[in-house]
Full PDB file with SEQRES, HELIX, SHEET, SSBOND, CRYST1, ORIGX, SCALE, CONECT and MASTER records, all heavy atoms in Angstrom:
SEQRES   1 A   38  THR GLU VAL PRO ASN ILE PRO VAL GLY GLY GLU LEU THR          
SEQRES   2 A   38  GLY ASP ILE SER GLU ASP MET THR PHE LYS THR GLY ILE          
SEQRES   3 A   38  SER TYR ILE PHE ASP GLY THR ILE ARG VAL ARG ASN              
SHEET    1 AA1 2 VAL A   8  LEU A  12  0                                        
SHEET    2 AA1 2 SER A  27  PHE A  30  1                                        
CRYST1    1.000    1.000    1.000  90.00  90.00  90.00 P 1           1          
ORIGX1      1.000000  0.000000  0.000000        0.00000                         
ORIGX2      0.000000  1.000000  0.000000        0.00000                         
ORIGX3      0.000000  0.000000  1.000000        0.00000                         
SCALE1      1.000000  0.000000  0.000000        0.00000                         
SCALE2      0.000000  1.000000  0.000000        0.00000                         
SCALE3      0.000000  0.000000  1.000000        0.00000                         
ATOM      1  N   THR A   1       0.814  -1.135   0.058  1.00  0.00           N  
ATOM      2  CA  THR A   1       0.003   0.013   0.016  1.00  0.00           C  
ATOM      3  C   THR A   1       0.847   1.247   0.074  1.00  0.00           C  
ATOM      4  O   THR A   1       0.410   2.359  -0.318  1.00  0.00           O  
ATOM      5  CB  THR A   1      -0.905  -0.023   1.196  1.00  0.00           C  
ATOM      6  OG1 THR A   1      -0.092   0.046   2.360  1.00  0.00           O  
ATOM      7  CG2 THR A   1      -1.906  -1.216   1.215  1.00  0.00           C  
ATOM      8  N   GLU A   2       2.106   1.129   0.334  1.00  0.00           N  
ATOM      9  CA  GLU A   2       2.959   2.329   0.478  1.00  0.00           C  
ATOM     10  C   GLU A   2       3.639   2.474  -1.017  1.00  0.00           C  
ATOM     11  O   GLU A   2       4.260   3.612  -1.150  1.00  0.00           O  
ATOM     12  CB  GLU A   2       4.076   2.155   1.470  1.00  0.00           C  
ATOM     13  CG  GLU A   2       3.383   2.031   2.963  1.00  0.00           C  
ATOM     14  CD  GLU A   2       4.453   1.708   3.893  1.00  0.00           C  
ATOM     15  OE1 GLU A   2       5.631   1.416   3.533  1.00  0.00           O  
ATOM     16  OE2 GLU A   2       4.084   1.523   5.107  1.00  0.00           O  
ATOM     17  N   VAL A   3       3.536   1.581  -1.950  1.00  0.00           N  
ATOM     18  CA  VAL A   3       3.981   1.728  -3.137  1.00  0.00           C  
ATOM     19  C   VAL A   3       3.226   2.806  -3.997  1.00  0.00           C  
ATOM     20  O   VAL A   3       1.940   2.684  -4.084  1.00  0.00           O  
ATOM     21  CB  VAL A   3       4.137   0.387  -3.864  1.00  0.00           C  
ATOM     22  CG1 VAL A   3       4.716   0.627  -5.330  1.00  0.00           C  
ATOM     23  CG2 VAL A   3       4.951  -0.576  -3.146  1.00  0.00           C  
ATOM     24  N   PRO A   4       3.853   3.840  -4.590  1.00  0.00           N  
ATOM     25  CA  PRO A   4       3.060   4.878  -5.211  1.00  0.00           C  
ATOM     26  C   PRO A   4       2.091   4.432  -6.386  1.00  0.00           C  
ATOM     27  O   PRO A   4       1.065   5.127  -6.604  1.00  0.00           O  
ATOM     28  CB  PRO A   4       4.159   5.835  -5.676  1.00  0.00           C  
ATOM     29  CG  PRO A   4       5.375   5.541  -4.872  1.00  0.00           C  
ATOM     30  CD  PRO A   4       5.243   4.137  -4.576  1.00  0.00           C  
ATOM     31  N   ASN A   5       2.449   3.422  -7.022  1.00  0.00           N  
ATOM     32  CA  ASN A   5       1.595   3.095  -8.292  1.00  0.00           C  
ATOM     33  C   ASN A   5       0.347   2.377  -7.854  1.00  0.00           C  
ATOM     34  O   ASN A   5      -0.399   1.939  -8.784  1.00  0.00           O  
ATOM     35  CB  ASN A   5       2.533   2.245  -9.236  1.00  0.00           C  
ATOM     36  CG  ASN A   5       2.864   0.967  -8.646  1.00  0.00           C  
ATOM     37  OD1 ASN A   5       2.508   0.574  -7.483  1.00  0.00           O  
ATOM     38  ND2 ASN A   5       3.606   0.099  -9.378  1.00  0.00           N  
ATOM     39  N   ILE A   6       0.031   2.017  -6.586  1.00  0.00           N  
ATOM     40  CA  ILE A   6      -1.224   1.465  -6.159  1.00  0.00           C  
ATOM     41  C   ILE A   6      -2.283   2.698  -6.087  1.00  0.00           C  
ATOM     42  O   ILE A   6      -1.965   3.647  -5.256  1.00  0.00           O  
ATOM     43  CB  ILE A   6      -1.130   0.710  -4.866  1.00  0.00           C  
ATOM     44  CG1 ILE A   6      -0.285  -0.561  -5.200  1.00  0.00           C  
ATOM     45  CG2 ILE A   6      -2.459   0.350  -4.361  1.00  0.00           C  
ATOM     46  CD1 ILE A   6      -0.172  -1.421  -4.078  1.00  0.00           C  
ATOM     47  N   PRO A   7      -3.300   2.469  -6.760  1.00  0.00           N  
ATOM     48  CA  PRO A   7      -4.309   3.637  -6.764  1.00  0.00           C  
ATOM     49  C   PRO A   7      -4.978   3.897  -5.389  1.00  0.00           C  
ATOM     50  O   PRO A   7      -5.110   2.900  -4.665  1.00  0.00           O  
ATOM     51  CB  PRO A   7      -5.271   3.298  -7.841  1.00  0.00           C  
ATOM     52  CG  PRO A   7      -5.236   1.770  -7.937  1.00  0.00           C  
ATOM     53  CD  PRO A   7      -3.743   1.488  -7.605  1.00  0.00           C  
ATOM     54  N   VAL A   8      -5.286   5.043  -5.109  1.00  0.00           N  
ATOM     55  CA  VAL A   8      -5.969   5.303  -3.803  1.00  0.00           C  
ATOM     56  C   VAL A   8      -7.472   5.404  -4.155  1.00  0.00           C  
ATOM     57  O   VAL A   8      -7.875   6.099  -5.032  1.00  0.00           O  
ATOM     58  CB  VAL A   8      -5.530   6.591  -3.131  1.00  0.00           C  
ATOM     59  CG1 VAL A   8      -6.445   6.944  -1.971  1.00  0.00           C  
ATOM     60  CG2 VAL A   8      -4.055   6.502  -2.822  1.00  0.00           C  
ATOM     61  N   GLY A   9      -8.307   4.700  -3.418  1.00  0.00           N  
ATOM     62  CA  GLY A   9      -9.738   4.680  -3.788  1.00  0.00           C  
ATOM     63  C   GLY A   9     -10.549   5.840  -3.431  1.00  0.00           C  
ATOM     64  O   GLY A   9     -11.636   5.903  -3.691  1.00  0.00           O  
ATOM     65  N   GLY A  10     -10.016   6.744  -2.675  1.00  0.00           N  
ATOM     66  CA  GLY A  10     -10.668   7.874  -2.340  1.00  0.00           C  
ATOM     67  C   GLY A  10     -10.937   8.113  -0.795  1.00  0.00           C  
ATOM     68  O   GLY A  10     -10.798   7.095  -0.097  1.00  0.00           O  
ATOM     69  N   GLU A  11     -11.554   9.175  -0.473  1.00  0.00           N  
ATOM     70  CA  GLU A  11     -11.810   9.390   0.951  1.00  0.00           C  
ATOM     71  C   GLU A  11     -13.262   9.555   1.178  1.00  0.00           C  
ATOM     72  O   GLU A  11     -14.029  10.310   0.332  1.00  0.00           O  
ATOM     73  CB  GLU A  11     -11.188  10.658   1.385  1.00  0.00           C  
ATOM     74  CG  GLU A  11     -11.319  10.987   2.822  1.00  0.00           C  
ATOM     75  CD  GLU A  11     -10.586  12.283   3.358  1.00  0.00           C  
ATOM     76  OE1 GLU A  11      -9.297  12.242   2.901  1.00  0.00           O  
ATOM     77  OE2 GLU A  11     -11.116  13.148   3.970  1.00  0.00           O  
ATOM     78  N   LEU A  12     -13.914   8.849   2.072  1.00  0.00           N  
ATOM     79  CA  LEU A  12     -15.326   8.879   2.490  1.00  0.00           C  
ATOM     80  C   LEU A  12     -15.479   9.685   3.783  1.00  0.00           C  
ATOM     81  O   LEU A  12     -14.879   9.320   4.724  1.00  0.00           O  
ATOM     82  CB  LEU A  12     -15.864   7.513   2.662  1.00  0.00           C  
ATOM     83  CG  LEU A  12     -16.200   6.766   1.329  1.00  0.00           C  
ATOM     84  CD1 LEU A  12     -15.002   6.053   0.761  1.00  0.00           C  
ATOM     85  CD2 LEU A  12     -17.293   5.648   1.580  1.00  0.00           C  
ATOM     86  N   THR A  13     -16.384  10.569   3.733  1.00  0.00           N  
ATOM     87  CA  THR A  13     -16.510  11.514   4.906  1.00  0.00           C  
ATOM     88  C   THR A  13     -18.142  11.556   5.325  1.00  0.00           C  
ATOM     89  O   THR A  13     -18.359  11.972   6.406  1.00  0.00           O  
ATOM     90  CB  THR A  13     -16.190  13.004   4.731  1.00  0.00           C  
ATOM     91  OG1 THR A  13     -16.911  13.432   3.492  1.00  0.00           O  
ATOM     92  CG2 THR A  13     -14.637  12.956   4.375  1.00  0.00           C  
ATOM     93  N   GLY A  14     -18.927  11.010   4.495  1.00  0.00           N  
ATOM     94  CA  GLY A  14     -20.464  11.058   4.849  1.00  0.00           C  
ATOM     95  C   GLY A  14     -21.088   9.668   4.902  1.00  0.00           C  
ATOM     96  O   GLY A  14     -20.431   8.710   4.617  1.00  0.00           O  
ATOM     97  N   ASP A  15     -22.353   9.656   5.186  1.00  0.00           N  
ATOM     98  CA  ASP A  15     -23.003   8.373   5.372  1.00  0.00           C  
ATOM     99  C   ASP A  15     -23.181   7.781   3.925  1.00  0.00           C  
ATOM    100  O   ASP A  15     -23.005   8.363   2.899  1.00  0.00           O  
ATOM    101  CB  ASP A  15     -24.347   8.620   5.987  1.00  0.00           C  
ATOM    102  CG  ASP A  15     -24.357   9.048   7.427  1.00  0.00           C  
ATOM    103  OD1 ASP A  15     -23.250   8.940   7.944  1.00  0.00           O  
ATOM    104  OD2 ASP A  15     -25.405   9.516   7.909  1.00  0.00           O  
ATOM    105  N   ILE A  16     -23.353   6.409   4.005  1.00  0.00           N  
ATOM    106  CA  ILE A  16     -23.533   5.618   2.747  1.00  0.00           C  
ATOM    107  C   ILE A  16     -24.895   5.088   2.716  1.00  0.00           C  
ATOM    108  O   ILE A  16     -25.313   4.456   3.679  1.00  0.00           O  
ATOM    109  CB  ILE A  16     -22.442   4.347   2.767  1.00  0.00           C  
ATOM    110  CG1 ILE A  16     -21.023   5.034   2.863  1.00  0.00           C  
ATOM    111  CG2 ILE A  16     -22.598   3.641   1.496  1.00  0.00           C  
ATOM    112  CD1 ILE A  16     -20.012   3.857   2.952  1.00  0.00           C  
ATOM    113  N   SER A  17     -25.587   5.389   1.607  1.00  0.00           N  
ATOM    114  CA  SER A  17     -26.984   4.882   1.413  1.00  0.00           C  
ATOM    115  C   SER A  17     -27.225   4.159   0.221  1.00  0.00           C  
ATOM    116  O   SER A  17     -28.379   3.973  -0.270  1.00  0.00           O  
ATOM    117  CB  SER A  17     -28.041   6.106   1.512  1.00  0.00           C  
ATOM    118  OG  SER A  17     -27.664   7.153   0.585  1.00  0.00           O  
ATOM    119  N   GLU A  18     -26.170   3.678  -0.504  1.00  0.00           N  
ATOM    120  CA  GLU A  18     -26.202   2.872  -1.722  1.00  0.00           C  
ATOM    121  C   GLU A  18     -25.163   1.860  -1.645  1.00  0.00           C  
ATOM    122  O   GLU A  18     -24.178   2.107  -0.961  1.00  0.00           O  
ATOM    123  CB  GLU A  18     -26.111   3.817  -2.990  1.00  0.00           C  
ATOM    124  CG  GLU A  18     -24.904   4.525  -3.021  1.00  0.00           C  
ATOM    125  CD  GLU A  18     -24.723   5.410  -4.271  1.00  0.00           C  
ATOM    126  OE1 GLU A  18     -25.791   5.756  -4.767  1.00  0.00           O  
ATOM    127  OE2 GLU A  18     -23.639   5.598  -4.759  1.00  0.00           O  
ATOM    128  N   ASP A  19     -25.414   0.690  -2.428  1.00  0.00           N  
ATOM    129  CA  ASP A  19     -24.448  -0.399  -2.257  1.00  0.00           C  
ATOM    130  C   ASP A  19     -23.079   0.048  -2.885  1.00  0.00           C  
ATOM    131  O   ASP A  19     -23.006   0.930  -3.866  1.00  0.00           O  
ATOM    132  CB  ASP A  19     -24.928  -1.470  -3.129  1.00  0.00           C  
ATOM    133  CG  ASP A  19     -26.200  -2.145  -2.641  1.00  0.00           C  
ATOM    134  OD1 ASP A  19     -26.643  -1.762  -1.477  1.00  0.00           O  
ATOM    135  OD2 ASP A  19     -26.700  -3.023  -3.284  1.00  0.00           O  
ATOM    136  N   MET A  20     -22.061  -0.425  -2.213  1.00  0.00           N  
ATOM    137  CA  MET A  20     -20.725  -0.040  -2.696  1.00  0.00           C  
ATOM    138  C   MET A  20     -19.809  -1.239  -2.565  1.00  0.00           C  
ATOM    139  O   MET A  20     -19.989  -2.098  -1.675  1.00  0.00           O  
ATOM    140  CB  MET A  20     -20.082   1.062  -1.752  1.00  0.00           C  
ATOM    141  CG  MET A  20     -20.747   2.407  -1.855  1.00  0.00           C  
ATOM    142  SD  MET A  20     -19.897   3.709  -0.914  1.00  0.00           S  
ATOM    143  CE  MET A  20     -18.307   3.798  -1.870  1.00  0.00           C  
ATOM    144  N   THR A  21     -18.705  -1.351  -3.338  1.00  0.00           N  
ATOM    145  CA  THR A  21     -17.800  -2.403  -3.391  1.00  0.00           C  
ATOM    146  C   THR A  21     -16.513  -1.832  -3.343  1.00  0.00           C  
ATOM    147  O   THR A  21     -16.078  -0.830  -4.091  1.00  0.00           O  
ATOM    148  CB  THR A  21     -17.899  -3.282  -4.705  1.00  0.00           C  
ATOM    149  OG1 THR A  21     -19.253  -3.938  -4.692  1.00  0.00           O  
ATOM    150  CG2 THR A  21     -16.829  -4.399  -4.663  1.00  0.00           C  
ATOM    151  N   PHE A  22     -15.627  -2.353  -2.422  1.00  0.00           N  
ATOM    152  CA  PHE A  22     -14.177  -1.804  -2.163  1.00  0.00           C  
ATOM    153  C   PHE A  22     -13.368  -2.820  -2.828  1.00  0.00           C  
ATOM    154  O   PHE A  22     -13.269  -4.040  -2.408  1.00  0.00           O  
ATOM    155  CB  PHE A  22     -14.029  -1.545  -0.691  1.00  0.00           C  
ATOM    156  CG  PHE A  22     -14.959  -0.531  -0.179  1.00  0.00           C  
ATOM    157  CD1 PHE A  22     -16.187  -0.886   0.359  1.00  0.00           C  
ATOM    158  CD2 PHE A  22     -14.580   0.837  -0.211  1.00  0.00           C  
ATOM    159  CE1 PHE A  22     -17.025   0.088   0.879  1.00  0.00           C  
ATOM    160  CE2 PHE A  22     -15.461   1.860   0.350  1.00  0.00           C  
ATOM    161  CZ  PHE A  22     -16.655   1.365   0.824  1.00  0.00           C  
ATOM    162  N   LYS A  23     -12.506  -2.333  -3.741  1.00  0.00           N  
ATOM    163  CA  LYS A  23     -11.807  -3.295  -4.672  1.00  0.00           C  
ATOM    164  C   LYS A  23     -10.517  -3.804  -4.031  1.00  0.00           C  
ATOM    165  O   LYS A  23      -9.853  -3.187  -3.280  1.00  0.00           O  
ATOM    166  CB  LYS A  23     -11.521  -2.520  -5.878  1.00  0.00           C  
ATOM    167  CG  LYS A  23     -12.711  -2.087  -6.696  1.00  0.00           C  
ATOM    168  CD  LYS A  23     -13.549  -3.214  -7.186  1.00  0.00           C  
ATOM    169  CE  LYS A  23     -14.648  -2.840  -8.013  1.00  0.00           C  
ATOM    170  NZ  LYS A  23     -15.477  -3.927  -8.497  1.00  0.00           N  
ATOM    171  N   THR A  24     -10.164  -4.856  -4.626  1.00  0.00           N  
ATOM    172  CA  THR A  24      -8.847  -5.604  -4.270  1.00  0.00           C  
ATOM    173  C   THR A  24      -7.668  -4.632  -4.531  1.00  0.00           C  
ATOM    174  O   THR A  24      -7.633  -4.090  -5.623  1.00  0.00           O  
ATOM    175  CB  THR A  24      -8.725  -6.859  -5.170  1.00  0.00           C  
ATOM    176  OG1 THR A  24      -9.637  -7.851  -4.834  1.00  0.00           O  
ATOM    177  CG2 THR A  24      -7.378  -7.594  -4.739  1.00  0.00           C  
ATOM    178  N   GLY A  25      -6.781  -4.605  -3.634  1.00  0.00           N  
ATOM    179  CA  GLY A  25      -5.535  -3.824  -3.820  1.00  0.00           C  
ATOM    180  C   GLY A  25      -5.674  -2.305  -3.765  1.00  0.00           C  
ATOM    181  O   GLY A  25      -4.713  -1.643  -4.008  1.00  0.00           O  
ATOM    182  N   ILE A  26      -6.876  -1.870  -3.363  1.00  0.00           N  
ATOM    183  CA  ILE A  26      -7.098  -0.393  -3.359  1.00  0.00           C  
ATOM    184  C   ILE A  26      -7.241   0.048  -1.931  1.00  0.00           C  
ATOM    185  O   ILE A  26      -7.937  -0.667  -1.084  1.00  0.00           O  
ATOM    186  CB  ILE A  26      -8.258  -0.045  -4.176  1.00  0.00           C  
ATOM    187  CG1 ILE A  26      -7.954  -0.344  -5.641  1.00  0.00           C  
ATOM    188  CG2 ILE A  26      -8.538   1.512  -4.019  1.00  0.00           C  
ATOM    189  CD1 ILE A  26      -9.181   0.056  -6.575  1.00  0.00           C  
ATOM    190  N   SER A  27      -6.630   1.111  -1.524  1.00  0.00           N  
ATOM    191  CA  SER A  27      -6.630   1.643  -0.130  1.00  0.00           C  
ATOM    192  C   SER A  27      -7.738   2.780  -0.087  1.00  0.00           C  
ATOM    193  O   SER A  27      -7.605   3.784  -0.863  1.00  0.00           O  
ATOM    194  CB  SER A  27      -5.265   2.094   0.247  1.00  0.00           C  
ATOM    195  OG  SER A  27      -5.319   2.745   1.556  1.00  0.00           O  
ATOM    196  N   TYR A  28      -8.567   2.856   0.958  1.00  0.00           N  
ATOM    197  CA  TYR A  28      -9.524   3.820   1.088  1.00  0.00           C  
ATOM    198  C   TYR A  28      -9.393   4.517   2.383  1.00  0.00           C  
ATOM    199  O   TYR A  28      -8.877   3.883   3.427  1.00  0.00           O  
ATOM    200  CB  TYR A  28     -10.956   3.295   1.033  1.00  0.00           C  
ATOM    201  CG  TYR A  28     -11.302   2.468  -0.334  1.00  0.00           C  
ATOM    202  CD1 TYR A  28     -10.812   1.156  -0.503  1.00  0.00           C  
ATOM    203  CD2 TYR A  28     -11.909   3.058  -1.364  1.00  0.00           C  
ATOM    204  CE1 TYR A  28     -11.093   0.503  -1.665  1.00  0.00           C  
ATOM    205  CE2 TYR A  28     -12.183   2.380  -2.465  1.00  0.00           C  
ATOM    206  CZ  TYR A  28     -11.734   1.210  -2.652  1.00  0.00           C  
ATOM    207  OH  TYR A  28     -11.937   0.451  -3.859  1.00  0.00           O  
ATOM    208  N   ILE A  29      -9.789   5.712   2.457  1.00  0.00           N  
ATOM    209  CA  ILE A  29      -9.716   6.606   3.800  1.00  0.00           C  
ATOM    210  C   ILE A  29     -11.180   6.846   4.187  1.00  0.00           C  
ATOM    211  O   ILE A  29     -11.982   7.381   3.479  1.00  0.00           O  
ATOM    212  CB  ILE A  29      -8.984   7.861   3.546  1.00  0.00           C  
ATOM    213  CG1 ILE A  29      -7.534   7.664   3.110  1.00  0.00           C  
ATOM    214  CG2 ILE A  29      -9.090   8.743   4.863  1.00  0.00           C  
ATOM    215  CD1 ILE A  29      -6.699   7.000   4.094  1.00  0.00           C  
ATOM    216  N   PHE A  30     -11.476   6.391   5.447  1.00  0.00           N  
ATOM    217  CA  PHE A  30     -12.757   6.765   6.082  1.00  0.00           C  
ATOM    218  C   PHE A  30     -12.494   7.944   7.186  1.00  0.00           C  
ATOM    219  O   PHE A  30     -11.708   7.621   8.065  1.00  0.00           O  
ATOM    220  CB  PHE A  30     -13.376   5.488   6.739  1.00  0.00           C  
ATOM    221  CG  PHE A  30     -14.069   4.575   5.762  1.00  0.00           C  
ATOM    222  CD1 PHE A  30     -13.606   4.441   4.461  1.00  0.00           C  
ATOM    223  CD2 PHE A  30     -15.204   3.853   6.169  1.00  0.00           C  
ATOM    224  CE1 PHE A  30     -14.338   3.665   3.564  1.00  0.00           C  
ATOM    225  CE2 PHE A  30     -15.816   3.021   5.346  1.00  0.00           C  
ATOM    226  CZ  PHE A  30     -15.433   2.928   3.971  1.00  0.00           C  
ATOM    227  N   ASP A  31     -13.144   8.995   6.971  1.00  0.00           N  
ATOM    228  CA  ASP A  31     -12.927  10.088   7.940  1.00  0.00           C  
ATOM    229  C   ASP A  31     -14.233  10.395   8.633  1.00  0.00           C  
ATOM    230  O   ASP A  31     -15.205  10.836   7.985  1.00  0.00           O  
ATOM    231  CB  ASP A  31     -12.393  11.226   7.131  1.00  0.00           C  
ATOM    232  CG  ASP A  31     -12.081  12.461   7.988  1.00  0.00           C  
ATOM    233  OD1 ASP A  31     -11.944  12.288   9.209  1.00  0.00           O  
ATOM    234  OD2 ASP A  31     -11.893  13.558   7.390  1.00  0.00           O  
ATOM    235  N   GLY A  32     -14.262  10.360   9.867  1.00  0.00           N  
ATOM    236  CA  GLY A  32     -15.537  10.586  10.793  1.00  0.00           C  
ATOM    237  C   GLY A  32     -16.412   9.423  10.919  1.00  0.00           C  
ATOM    238  O   GLY A  32     -15.907   8.252  10.700  1.00  0.00           O  
ATOM    239  N   THR A  33     -17.527   9.646  11.516  1.00  0.00           N  
ATOM    240  CA  THR A  33     -18.499   8.591  11.732  1.00  0.00           C  
ATOM    241  C   THR A  33     -19.235   8.346  10.344  1.00  0.00           C  
ATOM    242  O   THR A  33     -20.134   9.109  10.074  1.00  0.00           O  
ATOM    243  CB  THR A  33     -19.530   9.014  12.850  1.00  0.00           C  
ATOM    244  OG1 THR A  33     -18.755   9.220  14.127  1.00  0.00           O  
ATOM    245  CG2 THR A  33     -20.488   7.917  13.122  1.00  0.00           C  
ATOM    246  N   ILE A  34     -18.987   7.240   9.913  1.00  0.00           N  
ATOM    247  CA  ILE A  34     -19.682   6.747   8.558  1.00  0.00           C  
ATOM    248  C   ILE A  34     -20.776   5.905   8.847  1.00  0.00           C  
ATOM    249  O   ILE A  34     -20.391   4.787   9.497  1.00  0.00           O  
ATOM    250  CB  ILE A  34     -18.556   6.213   7.669  1.00  0.00           C  
ATOM    251  CG1 ILE A  34     -17.426   7.023   7.489  1.00  0.00           C  
ATOM    252  CG2 ILE A  34     -19.233   5.827   6.304  1.00  0.00           C  
ATOM    253  CD1 ILE A  34     -17.613   8.374   6.802  1.00  0.00           C  
ATOM    254  N   ARG A  35     -21.997   6.130   8.588  1.00  0.00           N  
ATOM    255  CA  ARG A  35     -23.097   5.338   8.818  1.00  0.00           C  
ATOM    256  C   ARG A  35     -23.637   4.797   7.638  1.00  0.00           C  
ATOM    257  O   ARG A  35     -24.022   5.486   6.601  1.00  0.00           O  
ATOM    258  CB  ARG A  35     -24.216   6.144   9.645  1.00  0.00           C  
ATOM    259  CG  ARG A  35     -23.710   6.364  11.065  1.00  0.00           C  
ATOM    260  CD  ARG A  35     -24.661   7.153  11.900  1.00  0.00           C  
ATOM    261  NE  ARG A  35     -24.190   7.276  13.339  1.00  0.00           N  
ATOM    262  CZ  ARG A  35     -24.530   8.131  14.174  1.00  0.00           C  
ATOM    263  NH1 ARG A  35     -25.355   9.206  13.775  1.00  0.00           N  
ATOM    264  NH2 ARG A  35     -24.041   8.177  15.350  1.00  0.00           N  
ATOM    265  N   VAL A  36     -23.857   3.418   7.601  1.00  0.00           N  
ATOM    266  CA  VAL A  36     -24.408   2.677   6.446  1.00  0.00           C  
ATOM    267  C   VAL A  36     -25.880   2.451   6.581  1.00  0.00           C  
ATOM    268  O   VAL A  36     -26.320   1.834   7.681  1.00  0.00           O  
ATOM    269  CB  VAL A  36     -23.716   1.353   6.120  1.00  0.00           C  
ATOM    270  CG1 VAL A  36     -24.179   0.705   4.831  1.00  0.00           C  
ATOM    271  CG2 VAL A  36     -22.194   1.664   6.042  1.00  0.00           C  
ATOM    272  N   ARG A  37     -26.814   2.991   5.808  1.00  0.00           N  
ATOM    273  CA  ARG A  37     -28.213   2.779   5.896  1.00  0.00           C  
ATOM    274  C   ARG A  37     -28.767   2.367   4.616  1.00  0.00           C  
ATOM    275  O   ARG A  37     -28.609   2.952   3.506  1.00  0.00           O  
ATOM    276  CB  ARG A  37     -28.813   4.191   6.354  1.00  0.00           C  
ATOM    277  CG  ARG A  37     -28.543   5.299   5.394  1.00  0.00           C  
ATOM    278  CD  ARG A  37     -29.098   6.610   5.822  1.00  0.00           C  
ATOM    279  NE  ARG A  37     -28.398   7.099   7.018  1.00  0.00           N  
ATOM    280  CZ  ARG A  37     -28.649   8.112   7.832  1.00  0.00           C  
ATOM    281  NH1 ARG A  37     -29.789   8.785   7.499  1.00  0.00           N  
ATOM    282  NH2 ARG A  37     -28.009   8.447   8.887  1.00  0.00           N  
ATOM    283  N   ASN A  38     -29.599   1.188   4.658  1.00  0.00           N  
ATOM    284  CA  ASN A  38     -30.338   0.702   3.546  1.00  0.00           C  
ATOM    285  C   ASN A  38     -29.315   0.473   2.394  1.00  0.00           C  
ATOM    286  O   ASN A  38     -29.669   0.750   1.165  1.00  0.00           O  
ATOM    287  CB  ASN A  38     -31.388   1.542   3.104  1.00  0.00           C  
ATOM    288  CG  ASN A  38     -32.313   2.002   4.296  1.00  0.00           C  
ATOM    289  OD1 ASN A  38     -32.696   1.110   5.163  1.00  0.00           O  
ATOM    290  ND2 ASN A  38     -32.823   3.188   4.367  1.00  0.00           N  
TER     291      ASN A  38                                                      
MASTER        0    0    0    0    2    0    0    6  290    1    0    3          
END                                                                             
């Protein structure tokens, strides 16, 4: 994950209300209280 050529999946800061898939080999940042609803 520290190697620069691995893509960063992005940063999530709000609640999640739709289906999501987090991909193999990708690093994501969760910032704050993330609530998953429906």
